[in-house]
Protein backbone atom coordinates (compact mmCIF):
# COMPACT_ATOMS: atom_id res chain seq x y z
CA MET A 1 0.01 0.03 0.05
CA HIS A 2 1.29 3.45 -0.94
CA VAL A 3 0.73 6.37 1.48
CA LEU A 4 1.90 9.82 0.44
CA ALA A 5 2.62 12.78 2.70
CA VAL A 6 2.21 16.16 1.15
CA ILE A 7 3.58 19.23 3.00
CA PRO A 8 2.11 22.38 1.42
CA ALA A 9 4.56 25.19 1.97
CA ARG A 10 4.06 28.20 -0.23
CA GLY A 11 6.23 31.31 0.06
CA GLY A 12 3.61 34.00 0.28
CA SER A 13 2.81 34.22 3.99
CA LYS A 14 1.50 37.67 4.90
CA SER A 15 1.59 37.63 8.72
CA ILE A 16 5.22 36.30 8.85
CA PRO A 17 7.30 36.60 5.67
CA LEU A 18 8.60 33.17 4.65
CA LYS A 19 7.00 31.69 7.77
CA ASN A 20 7.54 28.19 6.64
CA ILE A 21 11.35 28.44 6.86
CA ARG A 22 11.63 30.90 9.78
CA PRO A 23 13.92 29.34 12.47
CA LEU A 24 12.24 27.80 15.48
CA ASN A 25 14.83 27.11 18.06
CA GLY A 26 17.35 27.34 15.30
CA THR A 27 15.64 24.95 12.84
CA PRO A 28 13.59 25.99 9.87
CA LEU A 29 9.84 25.50 10.76
CA LEU A 30 9.25 23.26 7.82
CA VAL A 31 11.95 20.77 8.99
CA PHE A 32 9.97 19.64 12.00
CA THR A 33 7.26 18.32 9.74
CA ILE A 34 9.69 16.73 7.29
CA GLN A 35 11.42 14.89 10.11
CA ALA A 36 8.23 13.62 11.70
CA ALA A 37 7.01 12.32 8.36
CA LYS A 38 10.24 10.60 7.45
CA ARG A 39 10.08 8.57 10.73
CA SER A 40 6.62 7.24 9.93
CA ALA A 41 6.06 3.54 9.72
CA TYR A 42 3.44 3.98 7.02
CA LEU A 43 4.55 6.82 4.69
CA ASP A 44 6.55 5.64 1.69
CA ARG A 45 7.01 9.12 0.12
CA CYS A 46 7.14 12.66 1.56
CA VAL A 47 6.94 15.65 -0.80
CA VAL A 48 7.00 19.33 -0.20
CA SER A 49 4.79 21.36 -2.61
CA THR A 50 6.14 24.90 -2.90
CA ASP A 51 6.44 27.90 -5.24
CA HIS A 52 9.54 29.32 -3.49
CA VAL A 53 13.10 28.40 -4.38
CA GLU A 54 14.50 28.89 -0.84
CA ILE A 55 11.81 26.69 0.68
CA ALA A 56 12.59 24.05 -2.00
CA ARG A 57 16.26 24.20 -1.10
CA VAL A 58 15.56 23.72 2.64
CA ALA A 59 13.26 20.86 1.91
CA ARG A 60 15.82 19.05 -0.23
CA ASP A 61 18.55 19.66 2.33
CA TYR A 62 16.53 17.75 4.89
CA GLY A 63 15.64 14.77 2.59
CA ALA A 64 12.21 15.63 1.20
CA GLU A 65 11.21 15.45 -2.36
CA VAL A 66 10.12 18.79 -3.85
CA ILE A 67 7.24 19.44 -6.31
CA GLU A 68 7.44 22.87 -7.81
CA ARG A 69 3.96 24.43 -7.52
CA PRO A 70 2.83 26.89 -10.24
CA ALA A 71 2.27 30.35 -8.94
CA ASP A 72 -1.50 30.29 -9.67
CA LEU A 73 -1.83 27.37 -7.24
CA ALA A 74 -0.01 29.30 -4.45
CA THR A 75 -2.07 32.42 -4.05
CA ASP A 76 -3.97 33.47 -0.93
CA GLN A 77 -7.11 32.33 -2.50
CA ALA A 78 -5.83 28.92 -3.76
CA PRO A 79 -7.09 26.07 -1.49
CA THR A 80 -4.65 23.49 -0.19
CA GLU A 81 -6.51 20.86 -2.17
CA TRP A 82 -5.16 22.37 -5.47
CA ALA A 83 -1.65 21.73 -4.28
CA LEU A 84 -2.44 18.16 -3.26
CA LEU A 85 -4.13 17.37 -6.64
CA HIS A 86 -1.18 18.97 -8.50
CA ALA A 87 1.19 16.74 -6.57
CA LEU A 88 -0.82 13.70 -7.47
CA GLU A 89 -0.71 14.67 -11.17
CA VAL A 90 3.07 15.21 -11.07
CA LEU A 91 3.77 11.92 -9.36
CA ALA A 92 1.34 9.96 -11.64
CA LYS A 93 3.69 10.75 -14.55
CA ASP A 94 6.25 8.40 -12.98
CA GLY A 95 3.57 5.79 -12.30
CA TYR A 96 3.13 6.54 -8.65
CA ARG A 97 -0.43 6.58 -7.18
CA PRO A 98 -1.02 6.30 -3.40
CA GLU A 99 -4.08 4.89 -1.80
CA TYR A 100 -3.96 7.70 0.78
CA VAL A 101 -2.79 11.29 0.89
CA VAL A 102 -1.67 12.67 4.23
CA THR A 103 -1.79 16.43 4.51
CA LEU A 104 0.73 17.86 6.95
CA GLU A 105 0.72 21.59 7.33
CA PRO A 106 4.25 22.89 8.25
CA THR A 107 2.61 25.26 10.74
CA SER A 108 2.09 22.33 13.15
CA PRO A 109 5.76 21.69 14.13
CA LEU A 110 5.01 19.95 17.39
CA ARG A 111 3.00 17.01 16.02
CA THR A 112 4.73 13.69 16.59
CA THR A 113 5.30 10.73 14.27
CA GLY A 114 3.13 8.74 16.62
CA LEU A 115 0.20 10.99 15.94
CA ILE A 116 0.71 10.74 12.21
CA ASP A 117 0.84 6.96 12.40
CA ARG A 118 -2.23 6.78 14.62
CA CYS A 119 -4.28 8.64 11.95
CA ILE A 120 -2.98 6.54 9.09
CA ALA A 121 -3.71 3.33 11.10
CA GLU A 122 -7.25 4.46 11.70
CA ALA A 123 -7.77 5.30 8.02
CA ILE A 124 -6.59 1.82 7.06
CA ARG A 125 -8.82 0.28 9.72
CA HIS A 126 -11.82 2.20 8.47
CA PRO A 127 -11.66 2.05 4.69
CA GLU A 128 -15.32 3.07 4.47
CA LEU A 129 -14.53 6.64 5.71
CA ASP A 130 -13.37 9.38 3.42
CA CYS A 131 -11.02 11.14 5.93
CA VAL A 132 -9.36 10.69 9.18
CA MET A 133 -8.62 13.97 10.88
CA THR A 134 -7.19 15.24 14.10
CA VAL A 135 -9.40 17.08 16.69
CA ALA A 136 -8.61 18.76 19.86
CA GLU A 137 -10.77 18.74 23.01
CA THR A 138 -12.07 22.00 24.53
CA ARG A 139 -14.26 22.75 27.41
CA LYS A 140 -14.62 26.44 26.57
CA CYS A 141 -18.05 28.16 26.39
CA TYR A 142 -18.83 29.35 22.86
CA GLY A 143 -21.37 31.78 21.81
CA ARG A 144 -22.45 34.46 19.32
CA LEU A 145 -22.88 38.19 19.67
CA GLN A 146 -26.37 39.32 18.75
CA ASP A 147 -26.69 43.13 18.86
CA GLY A 148 -24.00 43.12 21.53
CA ARG A 149 -25.63 40.36 23.60
CA PHE A 150 -23.63 37.16 24.19
CA GLU A 151 -25.73 34.16 23.48
CA TYR A 152 -24.37 30.71 24.35
CA LEU A 153 -24.31 28.16 21.56
CA PHE A 154 -24.86 25.55 24.32
CA PRO A 155 -27.03 27.12 27.13
CA ASP A 156 -27.07 25.77 30.70
CA GLN A 157 -23.61 24.45 30.72
CA PRO A 158 -22.06 23.98 34.22
CA ARG A 159 -20.00 26.94 35.36
CA ARG A 160 -17.19 24.71 36.49
CA ARG A 161 -15.00 23.74 33.54
CA GLN A 162 -14.38 20.24 34.85
CA GLU A 163 -18.17 19.50 34.84
CA ARG A 164 -18.79 20.48 31.21
CA GLN A 165 -19.13 17.97 28.47
CA PRO A 166 -16.07 18.19 26.11
CA LEU A 167 -16.46 19.68 22.64
CA TYR A 168 -14.04 19.02 19.82
CA GLU A 169 -12.54 21.30 17.25
CA GLU A 170 -10.70 20.60 14.02
CA SER A 171 -6.98 21.02 14.88
CA SER A 172 -5.57 21.00 11.24
CA THR A 173 -2.73 18.83 12.47
CA VAL A 174 -3.10 15.68 10.33
CA TYR A 175 -5.54 14.80 7.57
CA VAL A 176 -5.58 11.32 5.91
CA THR A 177 -7.74 11.22 2.81
CA ARG A 178 -8.40 8.41 0.42
CA THR A 179 -7.01 9.53 -2.95
CA GLU A 180 -10.12 8.62 -4.87
CA VAL A 181 -12.15 10.88 -2.45
CA LEU A 182 -9.71 13.78 -2.82
CA GLU A 183 -10.04 13.58 -6.59
CA ARG A 184 -13.73 13.04 -6.59
CA ASP A 185 -14.66 15.83 -4.06
CA ARG A 186 -11.57 18.05 -4.38
CA SER A 187 -11.65 18.14 -0.52
CA VAL A 188 -9.41 16.62 2.11
CA LEU A 189 -12.52 16.04 4.24
CA GLY A 190 -14.70 14.20 1.72
CA ARG A 191 -18.15 13.40 3.01
CA THR A 192 -17.41 11.26 6.12
CA GLN A 193 -14.84 11.96 8.70
CA TYR A 194 -13.32 10.11 11.67
CA GLY A 195 -11.78 12.10 14.47
CA VAL A 196 -8.58 11.22 16.23
CA VAL A 197 -8.15 13.12 19.45
CA VAL A 198 -4.85 14.89 19.92
CA GLU A 199 -4.09 13.54 23.37
CA ASP A 200 -1.24 16.03 24.15
CA PRO A 201 -2.71 19.49 23.26
CA ARG A 202 0.84 20.79 22.61
CA GLU A 203 0.82 18.79 19.34
CA ALA A 204 -2.10 20.88 18.13
CA ILE A 205 -0.27 24.20 18.33
CA ASP A 206 -0.63 25.98 15.03
CA ILE A 207 1.75 28.76 14.13
CA ASN A 208 0.15 31.74 12.37
CA GLU A 209 1.34 34.77 14.33
CA PRO A 210 4.78 35.86 15.80
CA LEU A 211 3.48 35.07 19.27
CA ASP A 212 2.91 31.46 18.28
CA PHE A 213 6.72 31.03 17.64
CA ILE A 214 7.37 32.11 21.23
CA VAL A 215 4.82 29.63 22.55
CA ALA A 216 6.28 26.81 20.36
CA GLU A 217 9.84 27.57 21.50
CA ALA A 218 8.71 27.33 25.13
CA VAL A 219 7.06 23.97 24.51
CA LEU A 220 10.19 22.61 22.72
CA ALA A 221 12.18 23.71 25.75
CA GLN A 222 9.67 21.98 28.04
CA ARG A 223 9.96 18.76 26.02
CA LEU A 224 13.65 18.83 26.27
CA VAL A 225 13.52 19.06 30.10
CA GLU A 226 11.02 16.15 30.13
CA GLU A 227 13.29 13.98 27.93
CA GLN A 228 16.37 14.69 30.18
CA HIS A 229 14.45 13.62 33.20
CA GLY A 230 12.99 10.52 31.60
């Protein structure tokens, strides 16, 4: 069985220029995802889809294949699925067609190989589902503002956080999609999804703003201490 990882890493980030290769504790952000993918027990190929020459150089330096993405597939409006489908088209020219496509955004540098493999294993175990995706637990109280009034989406929740029923939010950390579904629906989600809960919430940290780099660096330092103390 062929399982492909695609890391979409365009060069046009607005909030943080060239965010995908900005150093995180001295290592380009993209590299954390490449290294986690390359340790997977299931992935037989890992490609970085990019429109930027420097991102491509970093990806190759750390052992990933690079697929050069056309500029029109790397705009702010272009969905990630376009990059995935383009990658499949390029690889198909060499006769490679995976059963599953695993989407790994480079902005989730703290995901582990174990989480990637858990998601792939669930996808293989549930072939009737279109997509296996990571979700993160939350016990926050959500609501809407209506003319300035705050209205709870779920009224009558207990005030104590520990007593609330957990909700789950899409974490964007790992998506495993059947290739035929991706091609049919042009969506990583397809029509049926299976949620894998991110047990360590640190793995679901998503970097979009400068402050997120500071948080991620603190978590990496914390992990190092934990490893040193067994």
